[in-house]
C-alpha atoms as a PDB file:
ATOM      1  CA  MET A   1       9.577  17.242 -39.795  1.00  0.00           C
ATOM      2  CA  LYS A   2       9.336  14.960 -36.770  1.00  0.00           C
ATOM      3  CA  LYS A   3       6.850  15.687 -34.045  1.00  0.00           C
ATOM      4  CA  LYS A   4       8.269  15.940 -30.572  1.00  0.00           C
ATOM      5  CA  LYS A   5       6.951  13.325 -28.223  1.00  0.00           C
ATOM      6  CA  VAL A   6       5.128  14.970 -25.344  1.00  0.00           C
ATOM      7  CA  ALA A   7       5.797  13.501 -21.928  1.00  0.00           C
ATOM      8  CA  THR A   8       2.477  12.442 -20.522  1.00  0.00           C
ATOM      9  CA  ILE A   9       1.482  12.904 -16.942  1.00  0.00           C
ATOM     10  CA  THR A  10      -0.771  10.401 -15.220  1.00  0.00           C
ATOM     11  CA  ALA A  11      -3.542  10.927 -12.717  1.00  0.00           C
ATOM     12  CA  ALA A  12      -1.287   9.507 -10.008  1.00  0.00           C
ATOM     13  CA  ASP A  13       1.480  11.938 -11.034  1.00  0.00           C
ATOM     14  CA  VAL A  14      -0.880  14.896 -10.588  1.00  0.00           C
ATOM     15  CA  VAL A  15      -1.941  13.707  -7.127  1.00  0.00           C
ATOM     16  CA  LYS A  16       1.654  13.066  -6.014  1.00  0.00           C
ATOM     17  CA  LEU A  17       2.860  16.423  -7.255  1.00  0.00           C
ATOM     18  CA  ARG A  18      -0.022  18.331  -5.694  1.00  0.00           C
ATOM     19  CA  LYS A  19       0.534  16.643  -2.335  1.00  0.00           C
ATOM     20  CA  ARG A  20       4.296  17.177  -2.537  1.00  0.00           C
ATOM     21  CA  LEU A  21       3.630  20.877  -3.104  1.00  0.00           C
ATOM     22  CA  GLY A  22       1.231  20.894  -0.141  1.00  0.00           C
ATOM     23  CA  LEU A  23      -1.647  22.235  -2.221  1.00  0.00           C
ATOM     24  CA  THR A  24      -5.352  21.529  -2.293  1.00  0.00           C
ATOM     25  CA  GLN A  25      -7.029  20.808  -5.610  1.00  0.00           C
ATOM     26  CA  GLY A  26      -8.400  24.339  -5.571  1.00  0.00           C
ATOM     27  CA  GLN A  27      -5.006  25.888  -4.921  1.00  0.00           C
ATOM     28  CA  LEU A  28      -3.395  23.895  -7.733  1.00  0.00           C
ATOM     29  CA  ALA A  29      -6.219  24.864 -10.071  1.00  0.00           C
ATOM     30  CA  GLU A  30      -5.761  28.529  -9.194  1.00  0.00           C
ATOM     31  CA  ARG A  31      -2.025  28.406  -9.837  1.00  0.00           C
ATOM     32  CA  LEU A  32      -2.543  26.725 -13.195  1.00  0.00           C
ATOM     33  CA  GLY A  33      -5.444  28.955 -14.202  1.00  0.00           C
ATOM     34  CA  VAL A  34      -7.902  26.082 -14.597  1.00  0.00           C
ATOM     35  CA  HIS A  35     -11.160  25.219 -12.861  1.00  0.00           C
ATOM     36  CA  VAL A  36     -10.976  22.979  -9.791  1.00  0.00           C
ATOM     37  CA  VAL A  37     -13.220  20.492 -11.612  1.00  0.00           C
ATOM     38  CA  THR A  38     -10.478  20.110 -14.219  1.00  0.00           C
ATOM     39  CA  VAL A  39      -7.947  19.147 -11.540  1.00  0.00           C
ATOM     40  CA  ARG A  40     -10.465  16.702 -10.044  1.00  0.00           C
ATOM     41  CA  LYS A  41     -10.994  15.104 -13.456  1.00  0.00           C
ATOM     42  CA  TRP A  42      -7.247  14.838 -14.028  1.00  0.00           C
ATOM     43  CA  GLU A  43      -6.771  13.155 -10.654  1.00  0.00           C
ATOM     44  CA  ALA A  44      -9.703  10.784 -11.235  1.00  0.00           C
ATOM     45  CA  ASP A  45      -8.284   9.892 -14.672  1.00  0.00           C
ATOM     46  CA  MET A  46     -11.473  11.158 -16.303  1.00  0.00           C
ATOM     47  CA  GLN A  47      -9.672  13.760 -18.425  1.00  0.00           C
ATOM     48  CA  THR A  48      -6.221  13.771 -19.995  1.00  0.00           C
ATOM     49  CA  VAL A  49      -3.837  16.506 -18.972  1.00  0.00           C
ATOM     50  CA  GLY A  50      -3.122  18.591 -22.061  1.00  0.00           C
ATOM     51  CA  ALA A  51       0.437  18.950 -23.331  1.00  0.00           C
ATOM     52  CA  ALA A  52       0.863  22.544 -22.139  1.00  0.00           C
ATOM     53  CA  TYR A  53      -0.389  21.757 -18.631  1.00  0.00           C
ATOM     54  CA  ALA A  54       1.709  18.586 -18.502  1.00  0.00           C
ATOM     55  CA  LYS A  55       4.789  20.701 -19.232  1.00  0.00           C
ATOM     56  CA  LEU A  56       3.763  23.256 -16.634  1.00  0.00           C
ATOM     57  CA  LEU A  57       3.218  20.561 -14.010  1.00  0.00           C
ATOM     58  CA  ARG A  58       6.612  19.010 -14.800  1.00  0.00           C
ATOM     59  CA  LEU A  59       8.190  22.445 -14.467  1.00  0.00           C
ATOM     60  CA  MET A  60       6.521  22.928 -11.084  1.00  0.00           C
ATOM     61  CA  GLU A  61       7.854  19.512 -10.087  1.00  0.00           C
ATOM     62  CA  THR A  62      11.449  20.329 -11.035  1.00  0.00           C
ATOM     63  CA  MET A  63      11.302  23.705  -9.301  1.00  0.00           C
ATOM     64  CA  GLN A  64      10.182  22.006  -6.098  1.00  0.00           C
ATOM     65  CA  GLN A  65      13.232  19.713  -5.994  1.00  0.00           C
END
């Protein structure tokens, strides 16, 4: 069985999406159910966005369009 390739999301993608949504880091963290430090680490490219959160962020992006 082949593994599905997960679309990655970069630190810059997280920043762009958050700003496009008009959210602070804290507000984005609250909506995703993660700690604000996690969002800060994602945006600083200090921590990789997990597959589930990457999908959720992409979904938020498509719903905004």
